[in-house]
Amino acid sequence: MGYVSTEYIQRVTFNLQEAKDAARVQQAIINHGFPGRTTEMVTAISGVLLGLLSLVFKLPTYITFSSGVVGTALGLVPSEKAALTDMATQGLIEFQNVVSLLAGTNYDLVEFDIPKIRFTHNDSSKNWEMATGNIRVIRMHSKSGGWILA
């Protein structure tokens, strides 16, 4: 069996650093995952907290994550790889938008919904997921306290 993909929406709450880390993981997927360079991908995301991978990408380690991305990429024809890269790029842009939303503002947290795609394999150690589309901001938390609905 190859991979089975499932698209869904995930609600997450990020602070500025978590948004930066998510953008970094998404960039590593684009730069190193789809070309199939596992070692470079592991190096690119090794500084990211495992908590973020667990929270957003639902994986225990970045090595598991990168192996899944590379395994998926190896099974794709060029047009599928291009489509997946486009989806990953849109997810990166959205994480960067969250960074911009928080940087230099009076907000310290943002809660949002983001579209994702999950790839499931019969070997669960190869499962992985990534952000794929436009976020929908639900609310933002002010540094002085309290949530503001978007």
C-alpha atoms as a PDB file:
ATOM      1  CA  MET A   1       0.000   0.000   0.000  1.00  0.00           C
ATOM      2  CA  GLY A   2       1.128   3.535  -0.749  1.00  0.00           C
ATOM      3  CA  TYR A   3      -0.072   6.669   0.946  1.00  0.00           C
ATOM      4  CA  VAL A   4      -3.684   7.682   1.480  1.00  0.00           C
ATOM      5  CA  SER A   5      -4.317  11.401   1.822  1.00  0.00           C
ATOM      6  CA  THR A   6      -6.965  13.130   3.911  1.00  0.00           C
ATOM      7  CA  GLU A   7      -7.681  16.854   3.913  1.00  0.00           C
ATOM      8  CA  TYR A   8      -9.068  18.570   6.996  1.00  0.00           C
ATOM      9  CA  ILE A   9      -9.077  21.798   9.010  1.00  0.00           C
ATOM     10  CA  GLN A  10      -7.087  22.071  12.240  1.00  0.00           C
ATOM     11  CA  ARG A  11      -7.591  24.775  14.864  1.00  0.00           C
ATOM     12  CA  VAL A  12      -4.369  25.853  16.568  1.00  0.00           C
ATOM     13  CA  THR A  13      -3.171  28.648  18.822  1.00  0.00           C
ATOM     14  CA  PHE A  14       0.316  29.992  18.226  1.00  0.00           C
ATOM     15  CA  ASN A  15       2.598  32.523  19.805  1.00  0.00           C
ATOM     16  CA  LEU A  16       5.162  34.309  17.625  1.00  0.00           C
ATOM     17  CA  GLN A  17       7.919  31.710  18.067  1.00  0.00           C
ATOM     18  CA  GLU A  18       5.599  28.801  17.288  1.00  0.00           C
ATOM     19  CA  ALA A  19       4.472  30.553  14.102  1.00  0.00           C
ATOM     20  CA  LYS A  20       8.113  31.069  13.085  1.00  0.00           C
ATOM     21  CA  ASP A  21       8.907  27.409  13.812  1.00  0.00           C
ATOM     22  CA  ALA A  22       5.898  26.197  11.814  1.00  0.00           C
ATOM     23  CA  ALA A  23       7.017  28.334   8.872  1.00  0.00           C
ATOM     24  CA  ARG A  24      10.504  26.831   9.191  1.00  0.00           C
ATOM     25  CA  VAL A  25       9.164  23.264   9.074  1.00  0.00           C
ATOM     26  CA  GLN A  26       6.951  24.106   6.104  1.00  0.00           C
ATOM     27  CA  GLN A  27       9.959  25.662   4.307  1.00  0.00           C
ATOM     28  CA  ALA A  28      12.002  22.509   4.993  1.00  0.00           C
ATOM     29  CA  ILE A  29       9.252  20.413   3.406  1.00  0.00           C
ATOM     30  CA  ILE A  30       9.422  22.538   0.270  1.00  0.00           C
ATOM     31  CA  ASN A  31      13.206  22.828   0.041  1.00  0.00           C
ATOM     32  CA  HIS A  32      14.309  19.372   1.132  1.00  0.00           C
ATOM     33  CA  GLY A  33      11.354  17.002   1.420  1.00  0.00           C
ATOM     34  CA  PHE A  34      10.022  16.895  -2.093  1.00  0.00           C
ATOM     35  CA  PRO A  35      13.426  16.581  -3.754  1.00  0.00           C
ATOM     36  CA  GLY A  36      13.938  13.588  -1.425  1.00  0.00           C
ATOM     37  CA  ARG A  37      16.948  14.732   0.610  1.00  0.00           C
ATOM     38  CA  THR A  38      16.212  13.251   4.035  1.00  0.00           C
ATOM     39  CA  THR A  39      19.470  14.248   5.740  1.00  0.00           C
ATOM     40  CA  GLU A  40      19.144  17.870   4.664  1.00  0.00           C
ATOM     41  CA  MET A  41      15.547  17.965   5.828  1.00  0.00           C
ATOM     42  CA  VAL A  42      16.433  16.563   9.246  1.00  0.00           C
ATOM     43  CA  THR A  43      19.171  19.184   9.566  1.00  0.00           C
ATOM     44  CA  ALA A  44      16.839  21.983   8.459  1.00  0.00           C
ATOM     45  CA  ILE A  45      14.199  21.228  11.100  1.00  0.00           C
ATOM     46  CA  SER A  46      16.381  19.812  13.868  1.00  0.00           C
ATOM     47  CA  GLY A  47      16.280  23.035  15.875  1.00  0.00           C
ATOM     48  CA  VAL A  48      12.490  23.145  15.909  1.00  0.00           C
ATOM     49  CA  LEU A  49      10.912  22.065  19.146  1.00  0.00           C
ATOM     50  CA  LEU A  50       9.519  18.543  19.093  1.00  0.00           C
ATOM     51  CA  GLY A  51       6.453  19.961  20.814  1.00  0.00           C
ATOM     52  CA  LEU A  52       5.566  21.861  17.670  1.00  0.00           C
ATOM     53  CA  LEU A  53       5.849  18.738  15.545  1.00  0.00           C
ATOM     54  CA  SER A  54       3.657  16.942  18.027  1.00  0.00           C
ATOM     55  CA  LEU A  55       1.094  19.756  18.197  1.00  0.00           C
ATOM     56  CA  VAL A  56       0.831  20.813  14.573  1.00  0.00           C
ATOM     57  CA  PHE A  57       2.189  17.908  12.569  1.00  0.00           C
ATOM     58  CA  LYS A  58       1.173  15.131  15.004  1.00  0.00           C
ATOM     59  CA  LEU A  59       4.523  13.372  14.926  1.00  0.00           C
ATOM     60  CA  PRO A  60       6.891  12.343  17.685  1.00  0.00           C
ATOM     61  CA  THR A  61      10.196  13.272  15.989  1.00  0.00           C
ATOM     62  CA  TYR A  62      11.481  15.266  13.052  1.00  0.00           C
ATOM     63  CA  ILE A  63      13.252  12.154  11.728  1.00  0.00           C
ATOM     64  CA  THR A  64       9.909  10.337  11.461  1.00  0.00           C
ATOM     65  CA  PHE A  65       8.404  13.412   9.857  1.00  0.00           C
ATOM     66  CA  SER A  66      11.134  13.826   7.261  1.00  0.00           C
ATOM     67  CA  SER A  67      11.122  10.120   6.390  1.00  0.00           C
ATOM     68  CA  GLY A  68       7.405  10.318   5.674  1.00  0.00           C
ATOM     69  CA  VAL A  69       7.728  13.414   3.497  1.00  0.00           C
ATOM     70  CA  VAL A  70      10.561  11.917   1.487  1.00  0.00           C
ATOM     71  CA  GLY A  71       8.754   8.584   1.163  1.00  0.00           C
ATOM     72  CA  THR A  72       5.687  10.335  -0.225  1.00  0.00           C
ATOM     73  CA  ALA A  73       7.746  12.452  -2.610  1.00  0.00           C
ATOM     74  CA  LEU A  74       9.485   9.420  -4.058  1.00  0.00           C
ATOM     75  CA  GLY A  75       6.132   7.918  -5.059  1.00  0.00           C
ATOM     76  CA  LEU A  76       4.851  10.970  -6.924  1.00  0.00           C
ATOM     77  CA  VAL A  77       4.916  11.717 -10.630  1.00  0.00           C
ATOM     78  CA  PRO A  78       6.245  15.212 -11.529  1.00  0.00           C
ATOM     79  CA  SER A  79       2.796  16.829 -11.865  1.00  0.00           C
ATOM     80  CA  GLU A  80       1.733  15.481  -8.454  1.00  0.00           C
ATOM     81  CA  LYS A  81       4.976  16.685  -6.907  1.00  0.00           C
ATOM     82  CA  ALA A  82       4.409  20.159  -8.401  1.00  0.00           C
ATOM     83  CA  ALA A  83       0.843  20.282  -7.048  1.00  0.00           C
ATOM     84  CA  LEU A  84       1.995  19.199  -3.584  1.00  0.00           C
ATOM     85  CA  THR A  85       4.792  21.781  -3.649  1.00  0.00           C
ATOM     86  CA  ASP A  86       2.243  24.481  -4.543  1.00  0.00           C
ATOM     87  CA  MET A  87       0.059  23.388  -1.617  1.00  0.00           C
ATOM     88  CA  ALA A  88       3.050  23.442   0.744  1.00  0.00           C
ATOM     89  CA  THR A  89       4.012  26.900  -0.512  1.00  0.00           C
ATOM     90  CA  GLN A  90       0.521  28.214   0.255  1.00  0.00           C
ATOM     91  CA  GLY A  91       0.802  26.742   3.761  1.00  0.00           C
ATOM     92  CA  LEU A  92       4.175  28.470   4.195  1.00  0.00           C
ATOM     93  CA  ILE A  93       2.708  31.803   3.116  1.00  0.00           C
ATOM     94  CA  GLU A  94      -0.075  31.400   5.664  1.00  0.00           C
ATOM     95  CA  PHE A  95       2.337  30.611   8.510  1.00  0.00           C
ATOM     96  CA  GLN A  96       4.362  33.676   7.458  1.00  0.00           C
ATOM     97  CA  ASN A  97       1.140  35.708   7.589  1.00  0.00           C
ATOM     98  CA  VAL A  98       0.621  34.578  11.182  1.00  0.00           C
ATOM     99  CA  VAL A  99       4.192  35.682  11.982  1.00  0.00           C
ATOM    100  CA  SER A 100       3.438  39.103  10.439  1.00  0.00           C
ATOM    101  CA  LEU A 101       0.169  39.295  12.339  1.00  0.00           C
ATOM    102  CA  LEU A 102       1.969  38.850  15.684  1.00  0.00           C
ATOM    103  CA  ALA A 103       5.314  40.580  15.070  1.00  0.00           C
ATOM    104  CA  GLY A 104       5.513  44.096  16.457  1.00  0.00           C
ATOM    105  CA  THR A 105       1.904  44.174  17.623  1.00  0.00           C
ATOM    106  CA  ASN A 106       0.075  44.211  20.923  1.00  0.00           C
ATOM    107  CA  TYR A 107      -0.933  40.563  20.409  1.00  0.00           C
ATOM    108  CA  ASP A 108       0.882  37.543  21.831  1.00  0.00           C
ATOM    109  CA  LEU A 109      -1.349  34.691  20.621  1.00  0.00           C
ATOM    110  CA  VAL A 110      -3.493  33.995  17.597  1.00  0.00           C
ATOM    111  CA  GLU A 111      -6.032  31.196  17.259  1.00  0.00           C
ATOM    112  CA  PHE A 112      -6.767  30.112  13.702  1.00  0.00           C
ATOM    113  CA  ASP A 113      -8.051  27.348  11.460  1.00  0.00           C
ATOM    114  CA  ILE A 114      -5.686  26.076   8.795  1.00  0.00           C
ATOM    115  CA  PRO A 115      -6.328  23.534   6.044  1.00  0.00           C
ATOM    116  CA  LYS A 116      -4.033  20.526   6.181  1.00  0.00           C
ATOM    117  CA  ILE A 117      -3.388  17.325   4.308  1.00  0.00           C
ATOM    118  CA  ARG A 118      -2.411  14.151   6.126  1.00  0.00           C
ATOM    119  CA  PHE A 119      -0.640  11.264   4.439  1.00  0.00           C
ATOM    120  CA  THR A 120      -1.270   7.893   6.055  1.00  0.00           C
ATOM    121  CA  HIS A 121       0.766   4.799   5.260  1.00  0.00           C
ATOM    122  CA  ASN A 122       0.304   1.184   6.379  1.00  0.00           C
ATOM    123  CA  ASP A 123       3.594   1.718   8.249  1.00  0.00           C
ATOM    124  CA  SER A 124       2.427   4.391  10.709  1.00  0.00           C
ATOM    125  CA  SER A 125       5.998   5.605  11.228  1.00  0.00           C
ATOM    126  CA  LYS A 126       5.750   7.082   7.704  1.00  0.00           C
ATOM    127  CA  ASN A 127       2.613   9.143   8.400  1.00  0.00           C
ATOM    128  CA  TRP A 128       2.962  12.908   8.061  1.00  0.00           C
ATOM    129  CA  GLU A 129       1.011  16.090   7.356  1.00  0.00           C
ATOM    130  CA  MET A 130       1.446  19.685   6.259  1.00  0.00           C
ATOM    131  CA  ALA A 131      -0.478  22.945   6.000  1.00  0.00           C
ATOM    132  CA  THR A 132      -1.988  23.560   2.577  1.00  0.00           C
ATOM    133  CA  GLY A 133      -4.063  26.701   2.365  1.00  0.00           C
ATOM    134  CA  ASN A 134      -5.555  29.909   3.666  1.00  0.00           C
ATOM    135  CA  ILE A 135      -5.893  30.412   7.400  1.00  0.00           C
ATOM    136  CA  ARG A 136      -9.005  31.770   9.041  1.00  0.00           C
ATOM    137  CA  VAL A 137      -8.187  33.791  12.138  1.00  0.00           C
ATOM    138  CA  ILE A 138     -10.660  33.078  14.934  1.00  0.00           C
ATOM    139  CA  ARG A 139      -9.365  35.374  17.663  1.00  0.00           C
ATOM    140  CA  MET A 140      -6.263  37.131  18.951  1.00  0.00           C
ATOM    141  CA  HIS A 141      -4.992  37.535  22.487  1.00  0.00           C
ATOM    142  CA  SER A 142      -3.859  40.956  23.658  1.00  0.00           C
ATOM    143  CA  LYS A 143      -0.606  41.210  25.631  1.00  0.00           C
ATOM    144  CA  SER A 144      -2.550  43.247  28.173  1.00  0.00           C
ATOM    145  CA  GLY A 145      -5.007  40.363  28.600  1.00  0.00           C
ATOM    146  CA  GLY A 146      -8.184  39.188  26.957  1.00  0.00           C
ATOM    147  CA  TRP A 147      -9.179  37.687  23.635  1.00  0.00           C
ATOM    148  CA  ILE A 148     -10.452  39.722  20.698  1.00  0.00           C
ATOM    149  CA  LEU A 149     -12.627  37.985  18.119  1.00  0.00           C
ATOM    150  CA  ALA A 150     -11.450  38.404  14.534  1.00  0.00           C
END
